N, C-alpha and C. Protein backbone atom coordinates (compact mmCIF):
# COMPACT_ATOMS: atom_id res chain seq x y z
N MET A 1 111.52 65.39 97.31
CA MET A 1 111.94 65.77 98.64
C MET A 1 110.98 65.23 99.70
N VAL A 2 109.70 65.36 99.43
CA VAL A 2 108.72 64.86 100.39
C VAL A 2 108.87 63.35 100.53
N ASP A 3 109.10 62.66 99.40
CA ASP A 3 109.26 61.21 99.44
C ASP A 3 110.49 60.80 100.23
N ASN A 4 111.46 61.70 100.38
CA ASN A 4 112.68 61.41 101.13
C ASN A 4 112.59 61.87 102.58
N GLY A 5 111.40 62.19 103.05
CA GLY A 5 111.22 62.51 104.46
C GLY A 5 111.18 63.98 104.81
N GLN A 6 111.19 64.85 103.82
CA GLN A 6 111.12 66.30 104.10
C GLN A 6 109.68 66.76 103.89
N ALA A 7 108.87 66.54 104.90
CA ALA A 7 107.44 66.85 104.80
C ALA A 7 107.17 68.34 104.59
N ASN A 8 108.09 69.19 105.00
CA ASN A 8 107.88 70.64 104.87
C ASN A 8 108.57 71.21 103.62
N ALA A 9 108.88 70.36 102.65
CA ALA A 9 109.61 70.79 101.46
C ALA A 9 108.87 71.91 100.73
N PHE A 10 107.57 71.78 100.55
CA PHE A 10 106.82 72.80 99.81
C PHE A 10 106.83 74.12 100.57
N ASP A 11 106.61 74.06 101.88
CA ASP A 11 106.63 75.29 102.68
C ASP A 11 108.00 75.95 102.64
N SER A 12 109.05 75.17 102.74
CA SER A 12 110.40 75.72 102.69
C SER A 12 110.66 76.38 101.35
N PHE A 13 110.23 75.73 100.27
CA PHE A 13 110.39 76.30 98.94
C PHE A 13 109.64 77.62 98.83
N ASN A 14 108.37 77.62 99.23
CA ASN A 14 107.55 78.82 99.12
C ASN A 14 108.09 79.95 100.00
N ASP A 15 108.51 79.62 101.21
CA ASP A 15 109.04 80.64 102.11
C ASP A 15 110.34 81.24 101.57
N GLY A 16 111.10 80.46 100.81
CA GLY A 16 112.38 80.92 100.29
C GLY A 16 112.27 81.77 99.03
N LEU A 17 111.10 81.81 98.44
CA LEU A 17 110.91 82.61 97.22
C LEU A 17 110.78 84.09 97.56
N ALA A 18 111.25 84.90 96.66
CA ALA A 18 111.04 86.34 96.80
C ALA A 18 109.91 86.73 95.85
N ALA A 19 108.79 86.02 95.98
CA ALA A 19 107.67 86.21 95.07
C ALA A 19 106.75 87.31 95.57
N PRO A 20 106.10 88.01 94.64
CA PRO A 20 105.09 88.98 95.04
C PRO A 20 103.98 88.27 95.82
N PRO A 21 103.28 88.98 96.69
CA PRO A 21 102.25 88.36 97.53
C PRO A 21 101.21 87.56 96.74
N ILE A 22 100.78 88.04 95.59
CA ILE A 22 99.76 87.33 94.82
C ILE A 22 100.27 85.97 94.35
N ILE A 23 101.54 85.89 93.99
CA ILE A 23 102.14 84.62 93.56
C ILE A 23 102.32 83.70 94.76
N ALA A 24 102.82 84.25 95.87
CA ALA A 24 103.03 83.44 97.07
C ALA A 24 101.72 82.86 97.58
N LEU A 25 100.65 83.64 97.54
CA LEU A 25 99.35 83.14 97.98
C LEU A 25 98.84 82.07 97.02
N GLY A 26 99.00 82.31 95.73
CA GLY A 26 98.58 81.33 94.74
C GLY A 26 99.30 80.00 94.92
N LEU A 27 100.59 80.04 95.19
CA LEU A 27 101.34 78.81 95.44
C LEU A 27 100.89 78.15 96.73
N THR A 28 100.68 78.95 97.74
CA THR A 28 100.29 78.42 99.05
C THR A 28 99.01 77.62 98.98
N VAL A 29 98.01 78.15 98.30
CA VAL A 29 96.71 77.46 98.26
C VAL A 29 96.73 76.23 97.38
N ARG A 30 97.77 76.07 96.58
CA ARG A 30 97.89 74.88 95.74
C ARG A 30 98.74 73.80 96.39
N GLY A 31 99.34 74.12 97.53
CA GLY A 31 100.18 73.16 98.22
C GLY A 31 99.45 72.50 99.37
N PRO A 32 100.20 71.76 100.18
CA PRO A 32 99.58 71.08 101.32
C PRO A 32 99.05 72.07 102.36
N ALA A 33 97.97 71.69 103.02
CA ALA A 33 97.33 72.55 104.04
C ALA A 33 98.02 72.34 105.38
N THR A 34 99.21 72.91 105.51
CA THR A 34 99.99 72.79 106.74
C THR A 34 99.74 73.99 107.65
N ASP A 35 100.21 73.88 108.89
CA ASP A 35 100.11 75.03 109.80
C ASP A 35 100.87 76.22 109.22
N ARG A 36 102.03 75.96 108.63
CA ARG A 36 102.83 77.05 108.04
C ARG A 36 102.09 77.70 106.88
N ALA A 37 101.40 76.90 106.09
CA ALA A 37 100.62 77.45 104.97
C ALA A 37 99.52 78.36 105.49
N ARG A 38 98.84 77.93 106.56
CA ARG A 38 97.78 78.78 107.15
C ARG A 38 98.37 80.09 107.69
N GLU A 39 99.55 80.01 108.30
CA GLU A 39 100.21 81.23 108.78
C GLU A 39 100.52 82.16 107.61
N ARG A 40 101.03 81.57 106.52
CA ARG A 40 101.38 82.37 105.35
C ARG A 40 100.14 83.06 104.77
N VAL A 41 99.03 82.33 104.70
CA VAL A 41 97.78 82.92 104.22
C VAL A 41 97.38 84.09 105.10
N ASN A 42 97.47 83.92 106.41
CA ASN A 42 97.06 84.98 107.34
C ASN A 42 97.93 86.23 107.22
N VAL A 43 99.17 86.06 106.81
CA VAL A 43 100.07 87.21 106.64
C VAL A 43 99.86 87.86 105.28
N ILE A 44 99.74 87.05 104.24
CA ILE A 44 99.67 87.58 102.88
C ILE A 44 98.30 88.15 102.54
N GLN A 45 97.25 87.46 102.94
CA GLN A 45 95.90 87.84 102.54
C GLN A 45 95.55 89.30 102.80
N PRO A 46 95.89 89.87 103.96
CA PRO A 46 95.53 91.28 104.18
C PRO A 46 96.30 92.26 103.29
N GLU A 47 97.39 91.82 102.68
CA GLU A 47 98.18 92.69 101.81
C GLU A 47 97.55 92.86 100.43
N LEU A 48 96.61 92.00 100.09
CA LEU A 48 96.03 91.99 98.75
C LEU A 48 94.63 92.57 98.73
N PRO A 49 94.20 93.08 97.58
CA PRO A 49 92.81 93.49 97.46
C PRO A 49 91.88 92.31 97.74
N VAL A 50 90.74 92.59 98.31
CA VAL A 50 89.79 91.56 98.70
C VAL A 50 89.46 90.64 97.52
N ARG A 51 89.21 91.21 96.37
CA ARG A 51 88.82 90.41 95.20
C ARG A 51 89.90 89.39 94.86
N GLU A 52 91.14 89.82 94.82
CA GLU A 52 92.23 88.92 94.45
C GLU A 52 92.42 87.80 95.46
N SER A 53 92.42 88.13 96.74
CA SER A 53 92.66 87.09 97.74
C SER A 53 91.48 86.15 97.85
N SER A 54 90.26 86.65 97.77
CA SER A 54 89.10 85.76 97.92
C SER A 54 89.01 84.76 96.78
N ILE A 55 89.35 85.17 95.58
CA ILE A 55 89.32 84.25 94.44
C ILE A 55 90.35 83.14 94.64
N LEU A 56 91.55 83.50 95.07
CA LEU A 56 92.60 82.50 95.27
C LEU A 56 92.29 81.56 96.43
N LEU A 57 91.61 82.05 97.43
CA LEU A 57 91.37 81.26 98.63
C LEU A 57 90.19 80.29 98.53
N PHE A 58 89.46 80.33 97.43
CA PHE A 58 88.27 79.48 97.34
C PHE A 58 88.59 78.01 97.62
N ARG A 59 89.61 77.48 96.97
CA ARG A 59 89.91 76.05 97.10
C ARG A 59 90.17 75.65 98.55
N CYS A 60 90.99 76.42 99.24
CA CYS A 60 91.32 76.02 100.60
C CYS A 60 90.18 76.32 101.57
N LEU A 61 89.37 77.32 101.28
CA LEU A 61 88.25 77.63 102.18
C LEU A 61 87.10 76.65 102.05
N ARG A 62 86.92 76.11 100.88
CA ARG A 62 85.83 75.15 100.68
C ARG A 62 85.99 73.96 101.62
N ASP A 63 87.25 73.59 101.88
CA ASP A 63 87.52 72.44 102.73
C ASP A 63 87.86 72.80 104.17
N SER A 64 87.79 74.08 104.51
CA SER A 64 88.18 74.50 105.86
C SER A 64 86.96 74.55 106.79
N HIS A 65 87.23 74.81 108.04
CA HIS A 65 86.16 74.95 109.02
C HIS A 65 85.43 76.27 108.77
N GLN A 66 84.17 76.28 109.07
CA GLN A 66 83.37 77.49 108.87
C GLN A 66 83.86 78.63 109.75
N ALA A 67 84.47 78.33 110.87
CA ALA A 67 85.01 79.39 111.73
C ALA A 67 86.10 80.16 111.00
N ALA A 68 86.93 79.46 110.23
CA ALA A 68 87.98 80.13 109.45
C ALA A 68 87.36 81.00 108.37
N MET A 69 86.32 80.51 107.73
CA MET A 69 85.62 81.28 106.71
C MET A 69 84.98 82.52 107.34
N SER A 70 84.42 82.37 108.51
CA SER A 70 83.80 83.47 109.22
C SER A 70 84.81 84.56 109.54
N GLU A 71 85.97 84.14 110.01
CA GLU A 71 87.02 85.09 110.36
C GLU A 71 87.49 85.89 109.14
N LEU A 72 87.72 85.20 108.03
CA LEU A 72 88.13 85.89 106.82
C LEU A 72 87.03 86.81 106.30
N THR A 73 85.80 86.33 106.35
CA THR A 73 84.68 87.14 105.87
C THR A 73 84.57 88.44 106.68
N ASP A 74 84.71 88.34 107.99
CA ASP A 74 84.67 89.54 108.83
C ASP A 74 85.75 90.53 108.41
N ASP A 75 86.94 90.03 108.14
CA ASP A 75 88.04 90.90 107.72
C ASP A 75 87.75 91.52 106.36
N TRP A 76 87.27 90.71 105.43
CA TRP A 76 86.99 91.23 104.09
C TRP A 76 85.91 92.30 104.12
N VAL A 77 84.87 92.10 104.89
CA VAL A 77 83.78 93.07 104.94
C VAL A 77 84.31 94.45 105.35
N ASP A 78 85.28 94.46 106.24
CA ASP A 78 85.87 95.72 106.68
C ASP A 78 86.76 96.37 105.62
N HIS A 79 87.12 95.61 104.57
CA HIS A 79 88.05 96.13 103.56
C HIS A 79 87.47 96.16 102.14
N LEU A 80 86.17 96.01 102.02
CA LEU A 80 85.55 96.09 100.70
C LEU A 80 85.72 97.51 100.15
N GLU A 81 86.29 97.59 98.94
CA GLU A 81 86.50 98.91 98.34
C GLU A 81 85.77 99.08 97.01
N THR A 82 85.49 97.97 96.34
CA THR A 82 84.87 98.05 95.03
C THR A 82 83.70 97.08 94.93
N GLN A 83 82.90 97.27 93.90
CA GLN A 83 81.82 96.32 93.64
C GLN A 83 82.41 94.94 93.34
N GLY A 84 83.57 94.91 92.67
CA GLY A 84 84.24 93.65 92.38
C GLY A 84 84.64 92.91 93.64
N ASP A 85 85.09 93.64 94.68
CA ASP A 85 85.41 93.03 95.97
C ASP A 85 84.16 92.38 96.56
N TYR A 86 83.07 93.14 96.59
CA TYR A 86 81.82 92.63 97.15
C TYR A 86 81.35 91.39 96.39
N ASN A 87 81.37 91.46 95.06
CA ASN A 87 80.91 90.34 94.25
C ASN A 87 81.75 89.09 94.50
N ALA A 88 83.06 89.26 94.59
CA ALA A 88 83.95 88.11 94.81
C ALA A 88 83.67 87.43 96.15
N VAL A 89 83.48 88.23 97.19
CA VAL A 89 83.19 87.66 98.51
C VAL A 89 81.82 87.00 98.52
N ALA A 90 80.83 87.64 97.93
CA ALA A 90 79.49 87.05 97.88
C ALA A 90 79.52 85.73 97.11
N ASP A 91 80.23 85.69 95.99
CA ASP A 91 80.34 84.45 95.21
C ASP A 91 81.06 83.36 96.01
N LEU A 92 82.14 83.73 96.67
CA LEU A 92 82.91 82.77 97.45
C LEU A 92 82.06 82.17 98.56
N ILE A 93 81.35 83.01 99.29
CA ILE A 93 80.49 82.51 100.37
C ILE A 93 79.42 81.58 99.82
N ALA A 94 78.79 81.99 98.73
CA ALA A 94 77.74 81.17 98.13
C ALA A 94 78.28 79.80 97.71
N LEU A 95 79.45 79.78 97.11
CA LEU A 95 80.05 78.51 96.69
C LEU A 95 80.47 77.65 97.87
N CYS A 96 80.96 78.28 98.91
CA CYS A 96 81.43 77.52 100.08
C CYS A 96 80.29 76.92 100.89
N VAL A 97 79.15 77.58 100.92
CA VAL A 97 78.04 77.06 101.74
C VAL A 97 77.02 76.27 100.93
N HIS A 98 77.14 76.30 99.62
CA HIS A 98 76.17 75.60 98.77
C HIS A 98 76.12 74.11 99.12
N GLY A 99 74.94 73.65 99.45
CA GLY A 99 74.74 72.24 99.75
C GLY A 99 75.28 71.81 101.10
N ARG A 100 75.64 72.76 101.95
CA ARG A 100 76.18 72.43 103.27
C ARG A 100 75.36 73.14 104.34
N ASP A 101 75.29 72.54 105.49
CA ASP A 101 74.67 73.18 106.64
C ASP A 101 75.66 74.17 107.23
N VAL A 102 75.19 75.36 107.58
CA VAL A 102 76.03 76.34 108.26
C VAL A 102 75.92 76.05 109.75
N THR A 103 76.97 75.48 110.30
CA THR A 103 76.95 75.05 111.70
C THR A 103 77.65 76.01 112.64
N ASP A 104 78.50 76.88 112.11
CA ASP A 104 79.20 77.85 112.96
C ASP A 104 78.27 79.02 113.25
N GLU A 105 77.98 79.24 114.53
CA GLU A 105 77.01 80.27 114.92
C GLU A 105 77.42 81.67 114.45
N HIS A 106 78.68 82.04 114.63
CA HIS A 106 79.13 83.37 114.21
C HIS A 106 79.01 83.52 112.70
N PHE A 107 79.37 82.49 111.98
CA PHE A 107 79.29 82.55 110.52
C PHE A 107 77.82 82.69 110.09
N ARG A 108 76.92 81.94 110.74
CA ARG A 108 75.51 82.04 110.44
C ARG A 108 75.02 83.46 110.66
N GLU A 109 75.42 84.07 111.78
CA GLU A 109 75.00 85.45 112.08
C GLU A 109 75.57 86.42 111.04
N SER A 110 76.79 86.17 110.58
CA SER A 110 77.39 87.02 109.56
C SER A 110 76.61 86.97 108.26
N LEU A 111 76.02 85.82 107.97
CA LEU A 111 75.29 85.65 106.71
C LEU A 111 73.89 86.27 106.76
N GLU A 112 73.39 86.48 107.94
CA GLU A 112 72.02 87.00 108.07
C GLU A 112 71.93 88.47 107.92
């Protein structure tokens, strides 16, 4: 479909599924990083436990702007319920910043 000029084929497919949020998020992060995919992440992510969403979001966050990571981290910190939630977020942040300069001021302050 994409080869035939339907650049939004993956988003249309994912949006048309009646999948549980965890499945929809998993599919979203494995597809193209479109504006629609980012919207879907922003809607689905708060519906899931922090641990589950942070693990799934690693791939797309590693390549995203630090401001996006900062925004999600702020949200997750407000919703930590278990030690597993805390561990998942701490691991995700460590993996995302490993070997990189933290250039986003708000994100840097969040880490301190």
